Amino acid sequence: MAPALTPEQHRIMAITERIASSISIVGILFIILTYLLASGFSKPINRLVFYASWGNLGLCMVALISVNGPDAGQNSVMCQLQGFLAQLFLGVDAYWAFCMAVNIYLIFFHHWNTHQLQGLDRKYFVVCYGVSLIPATVYLFIETKDRGKIYGGAILWCWVAREWDFLRIAVLYVFMWIAVLIAIVIYIMAGHHVWNKRDALSGFLNPFNEDPFTSVLTTTEVTITSAPRKASLPNVEMREIPNNHIDDSYDPYSVNVEIGQRKPSRPAMFRIPTATRAVALSQENVDSFLYARVAFLFFIALLVTWVPSSVNRAYALAHPDHINFGLNLTSALVFSIQGILNTMVYVVTSKSACRKLWARVKRRAPKEMGHRYSTCGIERQGGQKLGSDATSMTNLTGR
């Protein structure tokens, strides 16, 4: 039997989990609210992050309860609820990474577009949430004399109790890592595809470039000049001018067209060659490439979360009589920051929408115009009533 952690170690883990998960919740709410309410964010490349955020939110609830679940006792409602939520949401990000990898396979090797991918959303919901819901629910009703309930204290929180430790491996970690390994294979294949086009798709490889298919802006300047026409005067003798006296070079109307390139104000690291746009438009679907790049970033965030946890699980199997506080603390931290990492991916791929949103937040409220509106029309403060027609509005506002 492994020795228990000290009260001080429990306190440190609880503080770490709660601080990190609180920040994650703020980021998750930002993703959900902006995706639903701000049109600039509701684009195909953000949809997959939006769907995965609900799983992150549930896991943050588990982290907020933290060690209070095990402290309340295995048979308590709090412990059983925390165990249910942990089993339901722990593997969601891994399953979403698998679904995103399937999308990338369809994009790169079957030339699907984002509209076609959207039709798979319901199936992905069943895979990512429904499949996790089955064991999470069944575990609530299983109990034996030798092992007791499945949900119980698991160091960080209530989850699958140590007596049922084999279920953590068989029902979660095995399926999770199978999904991750398949995703890795697909990402390698897609990475090879991108590498073969690296000269044209260099912007795709820059994660800080929101839209790698936006090239240097081309501007067309048109200048129209005309010579003033002399007014015809009465009683002026008109003479016919011989053709050989007409200056062919004179043109009372001329159009000067100048075409140039306007250099972007962004630093050089954010610029990409113009060939990128040509390749993207002629050979590939632009939105699909952007969709794939978000999936790459999401997968990197997943690895940051699951590698330390898997190392901790391997250490526990190799040393069942010892609890490594450092590995458990790291696992508690990375699980709690899933929402933060996904928010970073969301913001990086939506920089223009974030800038517009921030500009609206900072914008001052319009100044009072010295007028008030009534249901029947518009009145001055002095009481003089104006009509509610467009002309009165124009005179009043000066617009």
Protein backbone atom coordinates (compact mmCIF):
# COMPACT_ATOMS: atom_id res chain seq x y z
CA MET A 1 0.00 0.00 0.00
CA ALA A 2 1.51 3.31 -1.07
CA PRO A 3 1.99 5.89 1.68
CA ALA A 4 -0.44 8.81 1.60
CA LEU A 5 0.65 12.33 0.74
CA THR A 6 1.17 14.77 3.59
CA PRO A 7 -1.51 17.40 4.32
CA GLU A 8 0.86 20.08 3.06
CA GLN A 9 1.30 18.27 -0.27
CA HIS A 10 -2.48 17.88 -0.56
CA ARG A 11 -2.86 21.61 0.05
CA ILE A 12 -0.28 22.52 -2.60
CA MET A 13 -2.00 20.30 -5.18
CA ALA A 14 -5.42 21.73 -4.34
CA ILE A 15 -4.17 25.33 -4.69
CA THR A 16 -2.41 24.53 -7.98
CA GLU A 17 -5.48 22.82 -9.45
CA ARG A 18 -7.89 25.53 -8.42
CA ILE A 19 -5.83 28.47 -9.62
CA ALA A 20 -5.05 26.87 -12.98
CA SER A 21 -8.60 25.64 -13.53
CA SER A 22 -10.06 29.05 -12.63
CA ILE A 23 -7.92 30.70 -15.30
CA SER A 24 -8.92 27.93 -17.72
CA ILE A 25 -12.61 28.57 -17.05
CA VAL A 26 -12.17 32.23 -17.95
CA GLY A 27 -10.57 31.20 -21.24
CA ILE A 28 -13.22 28.57 -21.94
CA LEU A 29 -16.04 31.06 -21.34
CA PHE A 30 -14.27 33.47 -23.71
CA ILE A 31 -14.24 30.76 -26.40
CA ILE A 32 -17.89 29.82 -25.90
CA LEU A 33 -19.27 33.37 -25.70
CA THR A 34 -17.27 34.80 -28.60
CA TYR A 35 -18.02 31.83 -30.84
CA LEU A 36 -21.76 32.07 -30.16
CA LEU A 37 -22.13 35.86 -30.07
CA ALA A 38 -19.36 37.42 -32.18
CA SER A 39 -19.58 36.74 -35.91
CA GLY A 40 -15.85 37.19 -36.45
CA PHE A 41 -15.11 34.10 -34.36
CA SER A 42 -17.72 31.72 -35.75
CA LYS A 43 -15.65 30.31 -38.57
CA PRO A 44 -14.98 26.66 -39.45
CA ILE A 45 -11.45 26.63 -38.06
CA ASN A 46 -12.76 27.59 -34.59
CA ARG A 47 -15.64 25.13 -34.50
CA LEU A 48 -13.53 22.16 -33.38
CA VAL A 49 -12.01 24.16 -30.50
CA PHE A 50 -15.50 25.28 -29.47
CA TYR A 51 -16.78 21.70 -29.30
CA ALA A 52 -13.78 20.49 -27.30
CA SER A 53 -14.16 23.37 -24.82
CA TRP A 54 -17.20 21.76 -23.19
CA GLY A 55 -15.06 18.81 -22.15
CA ASN A 56 -12.41 21.18 -20.80
CA LEU A 57 -15.09 22.96 -18.79
CA GLY A 58 -16.23 19.70 -17.20
CA LEU A 59 -12.66 18.76 -16.30
CA CYS A 60 -12.16 22.18 -14.71
CA MET A 61 -15.13 21.43 -12.46
CA VAL A 62 -13.32 18.28 -11.33
CA ALA A 63 -10.16 20.26 -10.63
CA LEU A 64 -12.06 22.89 -8.64
CA ILE A 65 -13.46 20.21 -6.32
CA SER A 66 -9.89 18.88 -6.09
CA VAL A 67 -9.01 16.93 -2.92
CA ASN A 68 -12.33 17.82 -1.30
CA GLY A 69 -13.80 14.82 -3.12
CA PRO A 70 -11.57 12.17 -1.52
CA ASP A 71 -11.72 14.01 1.80
CA ALA A 72 -15.54 13.71 1.80
CA GLY A 73 -15.31 9.92 1.65
CA GLN A 74 -15.82 7.33 -1.07
CA ASN A 75 -19.55 6.96 -0.48
CA SER A 76 -20.24 10.70 -0.52
CA VAL A 77 -22.21 12.32 -3.32
CA MET A 78 -19.34 14.73 -3.94
CA CYS A 79 -16.82 11.94 -4.48
CA GLN A 80 -19.11 9.94 -6.76
CA LEU A 81 -20.01 13.03 -8.80
CA GLN A 82 -16.37 14.03 -9.13
CA GLY A 83 -15.43 10.51 -10.23
CA PHE A 84 -18.22 10.49 -12.81
CA LEU A 85 -17.13 13.85 -14.28
CA ALA A 86 -13.47 12.79 -14.34
CA GLN A 87 -14.22 9.57 -16.24
CA LEU A 88 -16.53 11.43 -18.63
CA PHE A 89 -14.19 14.29 -19.56
CA LEU A 90 -10.61 13.07 -19.07
CA GLY A 91 -10.29 11.49 -22.52
CA VAL A 92 -12.36 14.01 -24.47
CA ASP A 93 -9.42 16.05 -25.79
CA ALA A 94 -7.67 12.90 -27.01
CA TYR A 95 -10.80 11.75 -28.81
CA TRP A 96 -11.26 15.16 -30.37
CA ALA A 97 -7.64 15.09 -31.54
CA PHE A 98 -8.40 11.77 -33.22
CA CYS A 99 -11.49 13.22 -34.93
CA MET A 100 -9.48 16.23 -36.07
CA ALA A 101 -6.85 13.89 -37.47
CA VAL A 102 -9.57 12.08 -39.44
CA ASN A 103 -10.64 15.46 -40.81
CA ILE A 104 -7.07 16.25 -41.82
CA TYR A 105 -6.84 12.91 -43.62
CA LEU A 106 -10.01 13.75 -45.53
CA ILE A 107 -8.71 17.25 -46.31
CA PHE A 108 -5.25 16.34 -47.57
CA PHE A 109 -5.89 13.00 -49.24
CA HIS A 110 -9.57 13.13 -50.26
CA HIS A 111 -9.87 16.90 -50.85
CA TRP A 112 -12.84 17.44 -48.57
CA ASN A 113 -13.86 21.00 -47.79
CA THR A 114 -15.06 22.47 -44.51
CA HIS A 115 -18.71 22.24 -45.54
CA GLN A 116 -18.38 18.48 -45.98
CA LEU A 117 -16.53 18.17 -42.67
CA GLN A 118 -19.33 19.97 -40.85
CA GLY A 119 -21.62 17.08 -41.70
CA LEU A 120 -19.51 14.80 -39.48
CA ASP A 121 -20.03 16.86 -36.32
CA ARG A 122 -22.85 14.74 -34.92
CA LYS A 123 -20.84 11.55 -35.31
CA TYR A 124 -17.89 13.17 -33.58
CA PHE A 125 -20.09 14.19 -30.67
CA VAL A 126 -21.17 10.58 -30.24
CA VAL A 127 -17.57 9.37 -30.36
CA CYS A 128 -16.09 12.01 -28.05
CA TYR A 129 -18.85 12.38 -25.47
CA GLY A 130 -21.22 9.45 -25.90
CA VAL A 131 -18.54 6.76 -25.76
CA SER A 132 -17.11 8.29 -22.57
CA LEU A 133 -20.58 8.56 -21.07
CA ILE A 134 -21.16 4.78 -21.15
CA PRO A 135 -18.38 3.67 -18.76
CA ALA A 136 -18.77 6.83 -16.65
CA THR A 137 -22.41 5.91 -16.00
CA VAL A 138 -21.87 2.16 -15.55
CA TYR A 139 -19.18 2.76 -12.92
CA LEU A 140 -21.74 4.43 -10.67
CA PHE A 141 -23.62 1.15 -10.19
CA ILE A 142 -20.76 -1.33 -9.72
CA GLU A 143 -19.65 -2.30 -6.24
CA THR A 144 -18.07 -5.46 -4.78
CA LYS A 145 -17.26 -6.58 -1.25
CA ASP A 146 -13.55 -6.92 -1.97
CA ARG A 147 -12.99 -3.68 -3.88
CA GLY A 148 -15.96 -1.53 -2.95
CA LYS A 149 -17.21 1.17 -5.34
CA ILE A 150 -15.29 1.91 -8.52
CA TYR A 151 -15.19 5.65 -7.89
CA GLY A 152 -12.99 6.52 -4.94
CA GLY A 153 -9.93 8.47 -3.89
CA ALA A 154 -7.25 8.70 -6.61
CA ILE A 155 -4.71 11.09 -5.02
CA LEU A 156 -5.59 14.12 -7.17
CA TRP A 157 -9.33 13.73 -6.89
CA CYS A 158 -12.03 11.06 -6.86
CA TRP A 159 -11.78 8.93 -9.94
CA VAL A 160 -11.29 5.17 -10.43
CA ALA A 161 -10.13 3.91 -7.02
CA ARG A 162 -6.76 2.22 -6.63
CA GLU A 163 -8.50 -1.14 -6.10
CA TRP A 164 -9.88 -0.80 -9.63
CA ASP A 165 -6.69 0.62 -11.11
CA PHE A 166 -6.71 -1.78 -14.08
CA LEU A 167 -9.85 -0.01 -15.37
CA ARG A 168 -7.91 3.25 -15.75
CA ILE A 169 -5.54 1.48 -18.14
CA ALA A 170 -8.04 -0.73 -19.94
CA VAL A 171 -10.91 1.73 -20.41
CA LEU A 172 -9.16 5.09 -20.71
CA TYR A 173 -5.42 5.09 -21.29
CA VAL A 174 -5.39 2.27 -23.85
CA PHE A 175 -8.13 3.82 -26.00
CA MET A 176 -6.73 7.29 -25.51
CA TRP A 177 -3.22 6.35 -26.68
CA ILE A 178 -4.54 4.28 -29.59
CA ALA A 179 -6.40 7.39 -30.74
CA VAL A 180 -3.29 9.54 -30.21
CA LEU A 181 -1.01 7.15 -32.11
CA ILE A 182 -3.39 7.00 -35.07
CA ALA A 183 -3.52 10.78 -34.99
CA ILE A 184 0.29 10.95 -34.96
CA VAL A 185 0.49 8.73 -38.06
CA ILE A 186 -2.02 10.93 -39.90
CA TYR A 187 -0.21 14.10 -38.83
CA ILE A 188 3.10 12.69 -40.08
CA MET A 189 1.50 11.90 -43.44
CA ALA A 190 -0.03 15.36 -43.63
CA GLY A 191 3.25 16.94 -42.50
CA HIS A 192 5.02 15.18 -45.34
CA HIS A 193 2.41 16.60 -47.70
CA VAL A 194 3.01 20.12 -46.39
CA TRP A 195 6.79 19.66 -46.45
CA ASN A 196 6.70 18.80 -50.14
CA LYS A 197 5.01 22.17 -50.71
CA ARG A 198 7.06 24.07 -48.14
CA ASP A 199 8.15 26.78 -50.61
CA ALA A 200 4.55 27.68 -51.41
CA LEU A 201 3.11 26.96 -47.97
CA SER A 202 5.71 28.59 -45.75
CA GLY A 203 3.06 30.75 -44.11
CA PHE A 204 1.19 27.61 -43.11
CA LEU A 205 4.16 26.58 -40.98
CA ASN A 206 4.10 29.85 -39.01
CA PRO A 207 1.63 29.40 -36.12
CA PHE A 208 1.58 33.15 -35.44
CA ASN A 209 0.24 33.96 -38.91
CA GLU A 210 -3.55 33.93 -38.60
CA ASP A 211 -4.23 33.68 -42.34
CA PRO A 212 -1.23 32.28 -44.21
CA PHE A 213 -3.06 32.58 -47.51
CA THR A 214 -3.28 36.36 -47.41
CA SER A 215 -0.59 37.71 -49.68
CA VAL A 216 0.74 41.21 -50.28
CA LEU A 217 -2.11 43.53 -51.09
CA THR A 218 -2.23 44.74 -54.67
CA THR A 219 -3.68 48.20 -55.22
CA THR A 220 -4.84 49.83 -58.41
CA GLU A 221 -4.73 53.61 -58.58
CA VAL A 222 -6.82 55.28 -61.24
CA THR A 223 -6.39 58.98 -62.03
CA ILE A 224 -8.85 60.67 -64.36
CA THR A 225 -7.98 64.06 -65.73
CA SER A 226 -9.94 66.24 -68.10
CA ALA A 227 -9.40 69.54 -69.84
CA PRO A 228 -11.95 72.25 -69.21
CA ARG A 229 -14.38 72.70 -72.05
CA LYS A 230 -14.77 76.24 -73.33
CA ALA A 231 -18.29 77.51 -73.19
CA SER A 232 -19.79 78.24 -76.57
CA LEU A 233 -20.51 81.93 -77.09
CA PRO A 234 -23.28 83.31 -79.28
CA ASN A 235 -22.53 85.06 -82.56
CA VAL A 236 -19.07 83.52 -82.79
CA GLU A 237 -17.96 82.77 -86.27
CA MET A 238 -17.26 79.08 -86.68
CA ARG A 239 -14.54 78.02 -89.06
CA GLU A 240 -13.74 74.59 -90.23
CA ILE A 241 -10.28 73.52 -89.16
CA PRO A 242 -8.39 71.44 -91.68
CA ASN A 243 -7.58 67.93 -90.59
CA ASN A 244 -3.87 68.48 -91.02
CA HIS A 245 -3.98 71.21 -88.33
CA ILE A 246 -5.47 68.92 -85.64
CA ASP A 247 -2.97 67.88 -83.00
CA ASP A 248 -3.32 64.15 -82.71
CA SER A 249 -1.45 64.14 -79.42
CA TYR A 250 -4.03 66.31 -77.73
CA ASP A 251 -6.70 64.45 -75.77
CA PRO A 252 -9.03 66.50 -73.60
CA TYR A 253 -9.72 63.41 -71.47
CA SER A 254 -7.03 61.08 -70.17
CA VAL A 255 -6.99 58.13 -67.82
CA ASN A 256 -3.82 57.21 -65.99
CA VAL A 257 -3.77 53.78 -64.40
CA GLU A 258 -0.99 52.85 -61.99
CA ILE A 259 -0.72 49.41 -60.47
CA GLY A 260 1.52 48.82 -57.51
CA GLN A 261 1.93 46.81 -54.36
CA ARG A 262 1.23 48.10 -50.90
CA LYS A 263 3.58 46.55 -48.39
CA PRO A 264 1.92 45.27 -45.23
CA SER A 265 2.76 46.96 -41.96
CA ARG A 266 3.34 43.63 -40.19
CA PRO A 267 6.88 42.46 -39.39
CA ALA A 268 8.71 40.32 -41.89
CA MET A 269 8.15 37.11 -39.90
CA PHE A 270 4.42 37.38 -40.57
CA ARG A 271 4.80 37.86 -44.34
CA ILE A 272 4.74 35.04 -46.84
CA PRO A 273 5.51 34.70 -50.55
CA THR A 274 2.81 35.47 -53.06
CA ALA A 275 3.08 31.92 -54.39
CA THR A 276 1.24 30.71 -51.31
CA ARG A 277 -2.01 32.26 -52.41
CA ALA A 278 -1.65 30.95 -55.96
CA VAL A 279 -1.06 27.40 -54.78
CA ALA A 280 -3.82 27.56 -52.19
CA LEU A 281 -6.40 28.88 -54.62
CA SER A 282 -5.45 26.66 -57.53
CA GLN A 283 -4.76 23.36 -55.78
CA GLU A 284 -6.21 23.29 -52.28
CA ASN A 285 -9.13 24.57 -50.29
CA VAL A 286 -8.02 27.57 -48.22
CA ASP A 287 -10.42 27.05 -45.31
CA SER A 288 -9.45 23.41 -45.13
CA PHE A 289 -5.77 24.28 -44.79
CA LEU A 290 -6.57 26.71 -42.00
CA TYR A 291 -8.75 24.05 -40.37
CA ALA A 292 -5.87 21.60 -40.51
CA ARG A 293 -3.42 24.04 -38.96
CA VAL A 294 -5.69 24.59 -35.95
CA ALA A 295 -5.86 20.81 -35.55
CA PHE A 296 -2.04 20.65 -35.52
CA LEU A 297 -1.87 23.26 -32.77
CA PHE A 298 -4.63 21.53 -30.80
CA PHE A 299 -2.74 18.25 -31.01
CA ILE A 300 0.42 19.87 -29.65
CA ALA A 301 -1.59 21.21 -26.72
CA LEU A 302 -2.94 17.69 -26.15
CA LEU A 303 0.56 16.22 -25.95
CA VAL A 304 1.56 18.86 -23.41
CA THR A 305 -1.35 17.66 -21.28
CA TRP A 306 -1.15 13.88 -21.64
CA VAL A 307 2.58 13.10 -21.76
CA PRO A 308 3.22 14.07 -18.09
CA SER A 309 0.08 12.23 -17.00
CA SER A 310 1.09 9.10 -18.89
CA VAL A 311 4.59 9.24 -17.37
CA ASN A 312 2.97 9.47 -13.94
CA ARG A 313 0.77 6.46 -14.72
CA ALA A 314 3.78 4.42 -15.92
CA TYR A 315 5.69 5.35 -12.77
CA ALA A 316 2.76 4.25 -10.60
CA LEU A 317 2.69 0.87 -12.34
CA ALA A 318 6.43 0.42 -11.96
CA HIS A 319 6.48 1.59 -8.33
CA PRO A 320 3.11 0.68 -6.79
CA ASP A 321 4.40 1.24 -3.27
CA HIS A 322 5.54 4.80 -3.84
CA ILE A 323 3.72 8.03 -4.72
CA ASN A 324 5.78 10.59 -6.61
CA PHE A 325 4.56 13.99 -5.45
CA GLY A 326 6.27 15.88 -8.30
CA LEU A 327 4.65 13.79 -11.03
CA ASN A 328 1.25 14.01 -9.37
CA LEU A 329 1.57 17.77 -9.02
CA THR A 330 2.57 18.08 -12.67
CA SER A 331 -0.40 15.93 -13.72
CA ALA A 332 -2.72 18.09 -11.65
CA LEU A 333 -1.34 21.21 -13.32
CA VAL A 334 -1.46 20.03 -16.94
CA PHE A 335 -4.99 18.68 -16.64
CA SER A 336 -6.10 22.01 -15.20
CA ILE A 337 -4.52 24.10 -17.98
CA GLN A 338 -6.14 22.29 -20.90
CA GLY A 339 -8.60 25.17 -21.20
CA ILE A 340 -5.74 27.70 -21.16
CA LEU A 341 -3.86 25.91 -23.94
CA ASN A 342 -6.96 25.59 -26.12
CA THR A 343 -7.75 29.27 -25.55
CA MET A 344 -4.25 30.16 -26.74
CA VAL A 345 -4.84 28.15 -29.93
CA TYR A 346 -8.22 29.88 -30.37
CA VAL A 347 -6.77 33.37 -29.91
CA VAL A 348 -3.72 32.80 -32.14
CA THR A 349 -5.98 31.68 -35.00
CA SER A 350 -8.45 34.56 -34.44
CA LYS A 351 -6.16 37.55 -33.94
CA SER A 352 -8.08 39.89 -36.25
CA ALA A 353 -11.40 39.08 -34.56
CA CYS A 354 -9.79 39.58 -31.14
CA ARG A 355 -8.44 42.98 -32.19
CA LYS A 356 -11.85 44.09 -33.38
CA LEU A 357 -13.48 42.86 -30.18
CA TRP A 358 -10.90 44.66 -28.06
CA ALA A 359 -11.42 47.86 -30.04
CA ARG A 360 -15.15 47.68 -29.35
CA VAL A 361 -14.52 47.12 -25.65
CA LYS A 362 -12.20 50.12 -25.43
CA ARG A 363 -14.43 52.37 -27.49
CA ARG A 364 -16.04 55.08 -25.42
CA ALA A 365 -19.78 55.40 -25.23
CA PRO A 366 -21.16 58.03 -27.63
CA LYS A 367 -21.38 61.49 -26.15
CA GLU A 368 -24.74 62.86 -25.22
CA MET A 369 -26.16 64.89 -28.06
CA GLY A 370 -28.31 67.09 -25.89
CA HIS A 371 -31.49 65.59 -27.22
CA ARG A 372 -33.88 62.95 -25.97
CA TYR A 373 -36.18 60.64 -27.84
CA SER A 374 -39.89 60.19 -27.32
CA THR A 375 -42.28 57.62 -28.66
CA CYS A 376 -44.04 60.16 -30.86
CA GLY A 377 -41.05 61.97 -32.26
CA ILE A 378 -37.92 63.82 -31.20
CA GLU A 379 -37.95 66.72 -28.77
CA ARG A 380 -35.36 69.29 -27.89
CA GLN A 381 -34.56 69.77 -24.26
CA GLY A 382 -36.40 73.06 -24.44
CA GLY A 383 -39.60 71.19 -25.31
CA GLN A 384 -39.85 72.02 -29.03
CA LYS A 385 -41.12 68.92 -30.81
CA LEU A 386 -39.63 67.82 -34.10
CA GLY A 387 -40.98 65.35 -36.60
CA SER A 388 -39.74 61.81 -36.57
CA ASP A 389 -39.12 61.71 -40.28
CA ALA A 390 -35.69 61.19 -41.79
CA THR A 391 -35.27 64.89 -42.68
CA SER A 392 -35.72 66.00 -39.09
CA MET A 393 -33.32 63.32 -37.94
CA THR A 394 -30.75 64.50 -40.43
CA ASN A 395 -31.10 68.16 -39.38
CA LEU A 396 -30.94 67.24 -35.74
CA THR A 397 -27.91 64.94 -35.82
CA GLY A 398 -26.10 66.66 -38.65
CA ARG A 399 -25.66 63.34 -40.41
